[in-house]
């Protein structure tokens, strides 16, 4: 998946082949978003799918109590807004650019025609949805069984994932996330996450490198996570 997932063994390989991307480019409209601009909002009608060409986008969910969860972080090549293809097409989450982003915006009807004609494209999308569902199920179980410290260690290892597999050689996070972003990812409070990051830094697990975190002792962080 072209997105950082927390609960499953992630693969940052492209979701679609170059030929499939060309199909979407042929029917879609290119649109740009500035940093912090919202692509779509939770609860709105959904009539477009988005292919991210450039930039980084977050998917966010707000519950009835107003608590915000960061579902996933989309990288170039990722596909967003697939709820447009649902029986009741509405947005179950919001999407926001965390840096300037360029997308291809595809109408629901055009996407359905492509899927009907190109079964290989349909199979790729089915696999993507299964991976996202599996990640979601894992994270629900993780909330019940793992501490905030363990969940945060898993997130840090995930965002330092390199595209060809394994952890980035320099341990540098692939995206710049605030303490609040990390709190939303692990379903905790910012103050708790800040305190744990301080403990990790004091133990020599991480250091701050500009606006990003760098993992110094990957093995120690990994040892915090249950097998």
C-alpha atoms as a PDB file:
ATOM      1  CA  UNK A   1       0.000   0.000   0.000  1.00  0.00           C
ATOM      2  CA  UNK A   2       1.215   3.524  -0.713  1.00  0.00           C
ATOM      3  CA  UNK A   3       0.386   4.574   2.825  1.00  0.00           C
ATOM      4  CA  UNK A   4       1.752   4.086   6.308  1.00  0.00           C
ATOM      5  CA  UNK A   5      -0.259   1.392   8.053  1.00  0.00           C
ATOM      6  CA  UNK A   6       0.261   0.603  11.700  1.00  0.00           C
ATOM      7  CA  UNK A   7      -1.307  -2.768  12.311  1.00  0.00           C
ATOM      8  CA  UNK A   8       0.004  -4.992   9.519  1.00  0.00           C
ATOM      9  CA  UNK A   9       3.325  -5.739   7.889  1.00  0.00           C
ATOM     10  CA  UNK A  10       3.303  -2.883   5.434  1.00  0.00           C
ATOM     11  CA  UNK A  11       4.433  -2.786   1.854  1.00  0.00           C
ATOM     12  CA  UNK A  12       4.970   0.646   0.319  1.00  0.00           C
ATOM     13  CA  UNK A  13       4.948  -0.707  -3.233  1.00  0.00           C
ATOM     14  CA  UNK A  14       2.594   1.085  -5.666  1.00  0.00           C
ATOM     15  CA  UNK A  15      -1.059   0.054  -5.457  1.00  0.00           C
ATOM     16  CA  UNK A  16      -1.579   0.414  -9.214  1.00  0.00           C
ATOM     17  CA  UNK A  17       0.561  -0.390 -12.226  1.00  0.00           C
ATOM     18  CA  UNK A  18       1.701   2.447 -14.545  1.00  0.00           C
ATOM     19  CA  UNK A  19      -0.907   1.282 -17.074  1.00  0.00           C
ATOM     20  CA  UNK A  20      -3.693   1.462 -14.482  1.00  0.00           C
ATOM     21  CA  UNK A  21      -2.571   4.928 -13.401  1.00  0.00           C
ATOM     22  CA  UNK A  22      -2.764   6.022 -17.048  1.00  0.00           C
ATOM     23  CA  UNK A  23      -6.368   4.780 -17.153  1.00  0.00           C
ATOM     24  CA  UNK A  24      -7.268   7.000 -14.195  1.00  0.00           C
ATOM     25  CA  UNK A  25      -5.386   9.958 -15.653  1.00  0.00           C
ATOM     26  CA  UNK A  26      -7.411   9.521 -18.830  1.00  0.00           C
ATOM     27  CA  UNK A  27     -10.788   9.979 -17.125  1.00  0.00           C
ATOM     28  CA  UNK A  28      -9.891  12.158 -14.127  1.00  0.00           C
ATOM     29  CA  UNK A  29      -9.233  15.826 -13.517  1.00  0.00           C
ATOM     30  CA  UNK A  30      -6.014  17.048 -11.911  1.00  0.00           C
ATOM     31  CA  UNK A  31      -6.480  19.202  -8.804  1.00  0.00           C
ATOM     32  CA  UNK A  32      -4.012  20.771  -6.366  1.00  0.00           C
ATOM     33  CA  UNK A  33      -4.377  21.370  -2.622  1.00  0.00           C
ATOM     34  CA  UNK A  34      -2.336  23.590  -0.330  1.00  0.00           C
ATOM     35  CA  UNK A  35      -0.907  22.528   3.021  1.00  0.00           C
ATOM     36  CA  UNK A  36      -3.695  21.865   5.571  1.00  0.00           C
ATOM     37  CA  UNK A  37      -6.405  22.136   2.906  1.00  0.00           C
ATOM     38  CA  UNK A  38      -9.229  19.601   3.234  1.00  0.00           C
ATOM     39  CA  UNK A  39      -9.902  17.327   0.249  1.00  0.00           C
ATOM     40  CA  UNK A  40     -13.241  16.136   1.642  1.00  0.00           C
ATOM     41  CA  UNK A  41     -15.034  16.016   4.983  1.00  0.00           C
ATOM     42  CA  UNK A  42     -16.519  13.194   7.011  1.00  0.00           C
ATOM     43  CA  UNK A  43     -20.289  12.925   6.538  1.00  0.00           C
ATOM     44  CA  UNK A  44     -20.374  14.576   3.110  1.00  0.00           C
ATOM     45  CA  UNK A  45     -21.833  12.831   0.042  1.00  0.00           C
ATOM     46  CA  UNK A  46     -19.076  10.985  -1.822  1.00  0.00           C
ATOM     47  CA  UNK A  47     -19.008  11.157  -5.604  1.00  0.00           C
ATOM     48  CA  UNK A  48     -15.273  11.160  -6.429  1.00  0.00           C
ATOM     49  CA  UNK A  49     -12.243   8.920  -5.923  1.00  0.00           C
ATOM     50  CA  UNK A  50      -8.772  10.477  -5.586  1.00  0.00           C
ATOM     51  CA  UNK A  51      -5.407   9.242  -6.836  1.00  0.00           C
ATOM     52  CA  UNK A  52      -2.600  11.031  -4.999  1.00  0.00           C
ATOM     53  CA  UNK A  53       0.161  12.032  -7.429  1.00  0.00           C
ATOM     54  CA  UNK A  54       2.297  14.240  -5.212  1.00  0.00           C
ATOM     55  CA  UNK A  55       2.401  15.298  -1.555  1.00  0.00           C
ATOM     56  CA  UNK A  56       1.155  13.642   1.641  1.00  0.00           C
ATOM     57  CA  UNK A  57      -2.458  13.380   2.834  1.00  0.00           C
ATOM     58  CA  UNK A  58      -3.961  12.249   6.152  1.00  0.00           C
ATOM     59  CA  UNK A  59      -7.225  10.346   6.610  1.00  0.00           C
ATOM     60  CA  UNK A  60      -8.944  11.455   9.834  1.00  0.00           C
ATOM     61  CA  UNK A  61     -11.968  10.166  11.747  1.00  0.00           C
ATOM     62  CA  UNK A  62     -13.893  12.126  14.389  1.00  0.00           C
ATOM     63  CA  UNK A  63     -16.203  10.193  16.737  1.00  0.00           C
ATOM     64  CA  UNK A  64     -19.429  11.425  18.357  1.00  0.00           C
ATOM     65  CA  UNK A  65     -17.478  12.727  21.368  1.00  0.00           C
ATOM     66  CA  UNK A  66     -15.290  14.870  19.110  1.00  0.00           C
ATOM     67  CA  UNK A  67     -12.179  12.699  19.520  1.00  0.00           C
ATOM     68  CA  UNK A  68     -10.021  12.649  16.389  1.00  0.00           C
ATOM     69  CA  UNK A  69      -8.179   9.545  15.168  1.00  0.00           C
ATOM     70  CA  UNK A  70      -5.548   9.514  12.439  1.00  0.00           C
ATOM     71  CA  UNK A  71      -6.425   6.479  10.317  1.00  0.00           C
ATOM     72  CA  UNK A  72      -3.612   6.477   7.787  1.00  0.00           C
ATOM     73  CA  UNK A  73      -1.000   8.601   6.045  1.00  0.00           C
ATOM     74  CA  UNK A  74      -1.210   8.512   2.253  1.00  0.00           C
ATOM     75  CA  UNK A  75       1.883   8.755   0.054  1.00  0.00           C
ATOM     76  CA  UNK A  76       2.052   9.477  -3.699  1.00  0.00           C
ATOM     77  CA  UNK A  77       0.374   6.613  -5.551  1.00  0.00           C
ATOM     78  CA  UNK A  78      -2.234   6.036  -2.837  1.00  0.00           C
ATOM     79  CA  UNK A  79      -5.974   5.987  -3.551  1.00  0.00           C
ATOM     80  CA  UNK A  80      -8.457   7.844  -1.350  1.00  0.00           C
ATOM     81  CA  UNK A  81     -12.213   8.186  -1.222  1.00  0.00           C
ATOM     82  CA  UNK A  82     -13.191   4.638  -2.156  1.00  0.00           C
ATOM     83  CA  UNK A  83     -16.385   4.978  -0.094  1.00  0.00           C
ATOM     84  CA  UNK A  84     -17.684   6.719  -3.234  1.00  0.00           C
ATOM     85  CA  UNK A  85     -18.172   3.207  -4.604  1.00  0.00           C
ATOM     86  CA  UNK A  86     -20.308   2.093  -1.657  1.00  0.00           C
ATOM     87  CA  UNK A  87     -24.023   1.308  -1.714  1.00  0.00           C
ATOM     88  CA  UNK A  88     -24.574   4.527   0.234  1.00  0.00           C
ATOM     89  CA  UNK A  89     -21.808   6.843  -1.024  1.00  0.00           C
ATOM     90  CA  UNK A  90     -20.814   9.106   1.866  1.00  0.00           C
ATOM     91  CA  UNK A  91     -17.510  10.024   3.478  1.00  0.00           C
ATOM     92  CA  UNK A  92     -16.745   7.931   6.554  1.00  0.00           C
ATOM     93  CA  UNK A  93     -13.621  10.027   7.225  1.00  0.00           C
ATOM     94  CA  UNK A  94     -12.016  13.325   6.249  1.00  0.00           C
ATOM     95  CA  UNK A  95      -8.864  13.808   4.174  1.00  0.00           C
ATOM     96  CA  UNK A  96      -6.420  16.691   4.653  1.00  0.00           C
ATOM     97  CA  UNK A  97      -3.177  17.571   2.877  1.00  0.00           C
ATOM     98  CA  UNK A  98      -0.293  17.904   5.350  1.00  0.00           C
ATOM     99  CA  UNK A  99       1.896  19.298   2.593  1.00  0.00           C
ATOM    100  CA  UNK A 100       1.018  20.654  -0.878  1.00  0.00           C
ATOM    101  CA  UNK A 101      -0.625  17.819  -2.806  1.00  0.00           C
ATOM    102  CA  UNK A 102      -1.702  17.057  -6.363  1.00  0.00           C
ATOM    103  CA  UNK A 103      -4.443  14.519  -7.035  1.00  0.00           C
ATOM    104  CA  UNK A 104      -6.420  13.103  -9.919  1.00  0.00           C
ATOM    105  CA  UNK A 105     -10.125  13.397  -9.118  1.00  0.00           C
ATOM    106  CA  UNK A 106     -12.236  10.642 -10.734  1.00  0.00           C
ATOM    107  CA  UNK A 107     -16.031  10.649 -10.873  1.00  0.00           C
ATOM    108  CA  UNK A 108     -17.797   7.638  -9.352  1.00  0.00           C
ATOM    109  CA  UNK A 109     -19.475   6.693 -12.663  1.00  0.00           C
ATOM    110  CA  UNK A 110     -16.177   6.853 -14.570  1.00  0.00           C
ATOM    111  CA  UNK A 111     -14.459   4.684 -11.953  1.00  0.00           C
ATOM    112  CA  UNK A 112     -17.262   2.113 -12.077  1.00  0.00           C
ATOM    113  CA  UNK A 113     -16.938   1.890 -15.866  1.00  0.00           C
ATOM    114  CA  UNK A 114     -13.177   1.342 -15.592  1.00  0.00           C
ATOM    115  CA  UNK A 115     -13.622  -1.357 -12.936  1.00  0.00           C
ATOM    116  CA  UNK A 116     -16.241  -3.155 -15.047  1.00  0.00           C
ATOM    117  CA  UNK A 117     -13.946  -3.131 -18.069  1.00  0.00           C
ATOM    118  CA  UNK A 118     -10.588  -3.816 -16.367  1.00  0.00           C
ATOM    119  CA  UNK A 119     -10.813  -6.714 -13.912  1.00  0.00           C
ATOM    120  CA  UNK A 120      -7.135  -6.364 -12.968  1.00  0.00           C
ATOM    121  CA  UNK A 121      -7.892  -2.863 -11.666  1.00  0.00           C
ATOM    122  CA  UNK A 122     -10.854  -4.220  -9.687  1.00  0.00           C
ATOM    123  CA  UNK A 123      -8.629  -6.894  -8.111  1.00  0.00           C
ATOM    124  CA  UNK A 124      -6.031  -4.304  -7.057  1.00  0.00           C
ATOM    125  CA  UNK A 125      -8.714  -2.213  -5.348  1.00  0.00           C
ATOM    126  CA  UNK A 126     -10.209  -5.255  -3.595  1.00  0.00           C
ATOM    127  CA  UNK A 127      -6.783  -6.165  -2.199  1.00  0.00           C
ATOM    128  CA  UNK A 128      -6.255  -2.592  -1.024  1.00  0.00           C
ATOM    129  CA  UNK A 129      -9.591  -2.582   0.810  1.00  0.00           C
ATOM    130  CA  UNK A 130      -8.809  -5.955   2.422  1.00  0.00           C
ATOM    131  CA  UNK A 131      -5.429  -4.670   3.641  1.00  0.00           C
ATOM    132  CA  UNK A 132      -7.072  -1.569   5.113  1.00  0.00           C
ATOM    133  CA  UNK A 133      -9.757  -3.660   6.817  1.00  0.00           C
ATOM    134  CA  UNK A 134      -7.112  -5.984   8.283  1.00  0.00           C
ATOM    135  CA  UNK A 135      -5.141  -2.995   9.553  1.00  0.00           C
ATOM    136  CA  UNK A 136      -8.281  -1.561  11.172  1.00  0.00           C
ATOM    137  CA  UNK A 137      -9.111  -4.860  12.888  1.00  0.00           C
ATOM    138  CA  UNK A 138      -5.575  -5.106  14.234  1.00  0.00           C
ATOM    139  CA  UNK A 139      -5.692  -1.578  15.648  1.00  0.00           C
ATOM    140  CA  UNK A 140      -9.011  -2.232  17.409  1.00  0.00           C
ATOM    141  CA  UNK A 141      -7.490  -5.283  19.093  1.00  0.00           C
ATOM    142  CA  UNK A 142      -4.296  -3.358  19.845  1.00  0.00           C
ATOM    143  CA  UNK A 143      -6.242  -0.758  21.842  1.00  0.00           C
ATOM    144  CA  UNK A 144      -7.439  -3.491  24.186  1.00  0.00           C
ATOM    145  CA  UNK A 145      -4.161  -5.348  24.624  1.00  0.00           C
ATOM    146  CA  UNK A 146      -1.229  -2.934  24.230  1.00  0.00           C
ATOM    147  CA  UNK A 147      -0.054   0.059  26.217  1.00  0.00           C
ATOM    148  CA  UNK A 148       0.355   3.535  24.723  1.00  0.00           C
ATOM    149  CA  UNK A 149       4.132   3.018  24.906  1.00  0.00           C
ATOM    150  CA  UNK A 150       3.882  -0.156  22.815  1.00  0.00           C
ATOM    151  CA  UNK A 151       1.518   1.422  20.280  1.00  0.00           C
ATOM    152  CA  UNK A 152       3.785   4.459  19.943  1.00  0.00           C
ATOM    153  CA  UNK A 153       6.846   2.260  19.382  1.00  0.00           C
ATOM    154  CA  UNK A 154       4.965   0.475  16.592  1.00  0.00           C
ATOM    155  CA  UNK A 155       3.992   3.790  14.967  1.00  0.00           C
ATOM    156  CA  UNK A 156       7.576   5.098  15.065  1.00  0.00           C
ATOM    157  CA  UNK A 157       8.863   1.936  13.414  1.00  0.00           C
ATOM    158  CA  UNK A 158       6.114   2.149  10.780  1.00  0.00           C
ATOM    159  CA  UNK A 159       6.790   5.751   9.727  1.00  0.00           C
ATOM    160  CA  UNK A 160      10.497   4.971   9.359  1.00  0.00           C
ATOM    161  CA  UNK A 161       9.653   2.256   6.852  1.00  0.00           C
ATOM    162  CA  UNK A 162      11.536   2.594   3.597  1.00  0.00           C
ATOM    163  CA  UNK A 163       9.942   1.897   0.248  1.00  0.00           C
ATOM    164  CA  UNK A 164      12.047  -1.149  -0.617  1.00  0.00           C
ATOM    165  CA  UNK A 165      11.260  -2.852   2.690  1.00  0.00           C
ATOM    166  CA  UNK A 166      12.774  -2.773   6.156  1.00  0.00           C
ATOM    167  CA  UNK A 167      13.550   0.329   8.179  1.00  0.00           C
ATOM    168  CA  UNK A 168      15.151   3.449   6.712  1.00  0.00           C
ATOM    169  CA  UNK A 169      18.963   3.075   6.930  1.00  0.00           C
ATOM    170  CA  UNK A 170      19.295   6.332   8.882  1.00  0.00           C
ATOM    171  CA  UNK A 171      16.193   5.627  10.979  1.00  0.00           C
ATOM    172  CA  UNK A 172      14.664   8.908   9.827  1.00  0.00           C
ATOM    173  CA  UNK A 173      10.876   9.177   9.784  1.00  0.00           C
ATOM    174  CA  UNK A 174       9.387   9.313   6.300  1.00  0.00           C
ATOM    175  CA  UNK A 175       6.977  12.090   7.265  1.00  0.00           C
ATOM    176  CA  UNK A 176       6.969  14.959   9.730  1.00  0.00           C
ATOM    177  CA  UNK A 177       4.321  14.409  12.422  1.00  0.00           C
ATOM    178  CA  UNK A 178       3.473  16.554  15.427  1.00  0.00           C
ATOM    179  CA  UNK A 179       3.017  15.075  18.891  1.00  0.00           C
ATOM    180  CA  UNK A 180      -0.722  15.623  18.376  1.00  0.00           C
ATOM    181  CA  UNK A 181      -0.614  13.627  15.113  1.00  0.00           C
ATOM    182  CA  UNK A 182       1.131  10.770  16.911  1.00  0.00           C
ATOM    183  CA  UNK A 183      -1.455  10.938  19.699  1.00  0.00           C
ATOM    184  CA  UNK A 184      -4.227  10.633  17.110  1.00  0.00           C
ATOM    185  CA  UNK A 185      -2.483   7.604  15.600  1.00  0.00           C
ATOM    186  CA  UNK A 186      -2.218   5.742  18.910  1.00  0.00           C
ATOM    187  CA  UNK A 187      -5.548   6.961  20.347  1.00  0.00           C
ATOM    188  CA  UNK A 188      -4.053   8.777  23.299  1.00  0.00           C
ATOM    189  CA  UNK A 189      -3.501  12.313  24.600  1.00  0.00           C
ATOM    190  CA  UNK A 190      -0.765  14.610  23.327  1.00  0.00           C
ATOM    191  CA  UNK A 191       0.639  15.063  26.845  1.00  0.00           C
ATOM    192  CA  UNK A 192       0.990  11.295  27.264  1.00  0.00           C
ATOM    193  CA  UNK A 193       2.711  10.903  23.897  1.00  0.00           C
ATOM    194  CA  UNK A 194       5.088  13.805  24.628  1.00  0.00           C
ATOM    195  CA  UNK A 195       6.045  12.233  27.956  1.00  0.00           C
ATOM    196  CA  UNK A 196       6.732   8.830  26.359  1.00  0.00           C
ATOM    197  CA  UNK A 197       8.778  10.408  23.550  1.00  0.00           C
ATOM    198  CA  UNK A 198      10.826  12.126  26.251  1.00  0.00           C
ATOM    199  CA  UNK A 199      11.422   8.750  27.900  1.00  0.00           C
ATOM    200  CA  UNK A 200      12.423   7.223  24.553  1.00  0.00           C
ATOM    201  CA  UNK A 201      14.883  10.077  23.958  1.00  0.00           C
ATOM    202  CA  UNK A 202      16.335   9.760  27.466  1.00  0.00           C
ATOM    203  CA  UNK A 203      16.805   6.018  26.932  1.00  0.00           C
ATOM    204  CA  UNK A 204      18.647   6.693  23.661  1.00  0.00           C
ATOM    205  CA  UNK A 205      15.982   5.204  21.393  1.00  0.00           C
ATOM    206  CA  UNK A 206      15.259   8.379  19.386  1.00  0.00           C
ATOM    207  CA  UNK A 207      16.518  11.896  18.701  1.00  0.00           C
ATOM    208  CA  UNK A 208      14.856  14.839  16.984  1.00  0.00           C
ATOM    209  CA  UNK A 209      16.282  15.616  13.537  1.00  0.00           C
ATOM    210  CA  UNK A 210      14.850  18.922  12.366  1.00  0.00           C
ATOM    211  CA  UNK A 211      11.070  18.442  12.226  1.00  0.00           C
ATOM    212  CA  UNK A 212      11.374  14.652  12.121  1.00  0.00           C
ATOM    213  CA  UNK A 213      12.271  11.924  14.573  1.00  0.00           C
ATOM    214  CA  UNK A 214      15.276   9.678  14.048  1.00  0.00           C
ATOM    215  CA  UNK A 215      15.404   6.181  15.501  1.00  0.00           C
ATOM    216  CA  UNK A 216      18.761   5.491  17.138  1.00  0.00           C
ATOM    217  CA  UNK A 217      18.042   2.112  18.729  1.00  0.00           C
ATOM    218  CA  UNK A 218      15.581   0.306  16.470  1.00  0.00           C
ATOM    219  CA  UNK A 219      16.114  -3.047  18.184  1.00  0.00           C
ATOM    220  CA  UNK A 220      15.188  -1.612  21.586  1.00  0.00           C
ATOM    221  CA  UNK A 221      12.008  -0.043  20.206  1.00  0.00           C
ATOM    222  CA  UNK A 222      11.041  -3.278  18.465  1.00  0.00           C
ATOM    223  CA  UNK A 223      11.564  -5.211  21.710  1.00  0.00           C
ATOM    224  CA  UNK A 224       8.742  -3.211  23.316  1.00  0.00           C
ATOM    225  CA  UNK A 225       6.199  -4.661  20.884  1.00  0.00           C
ATOM    226  CA  UNK A 226       4.671  -8.085  21.628  1.00  0.00           C
ATOM    227  CA  UNK A 227       5.237 -10.717  18.939  1.00  0.00           C
END
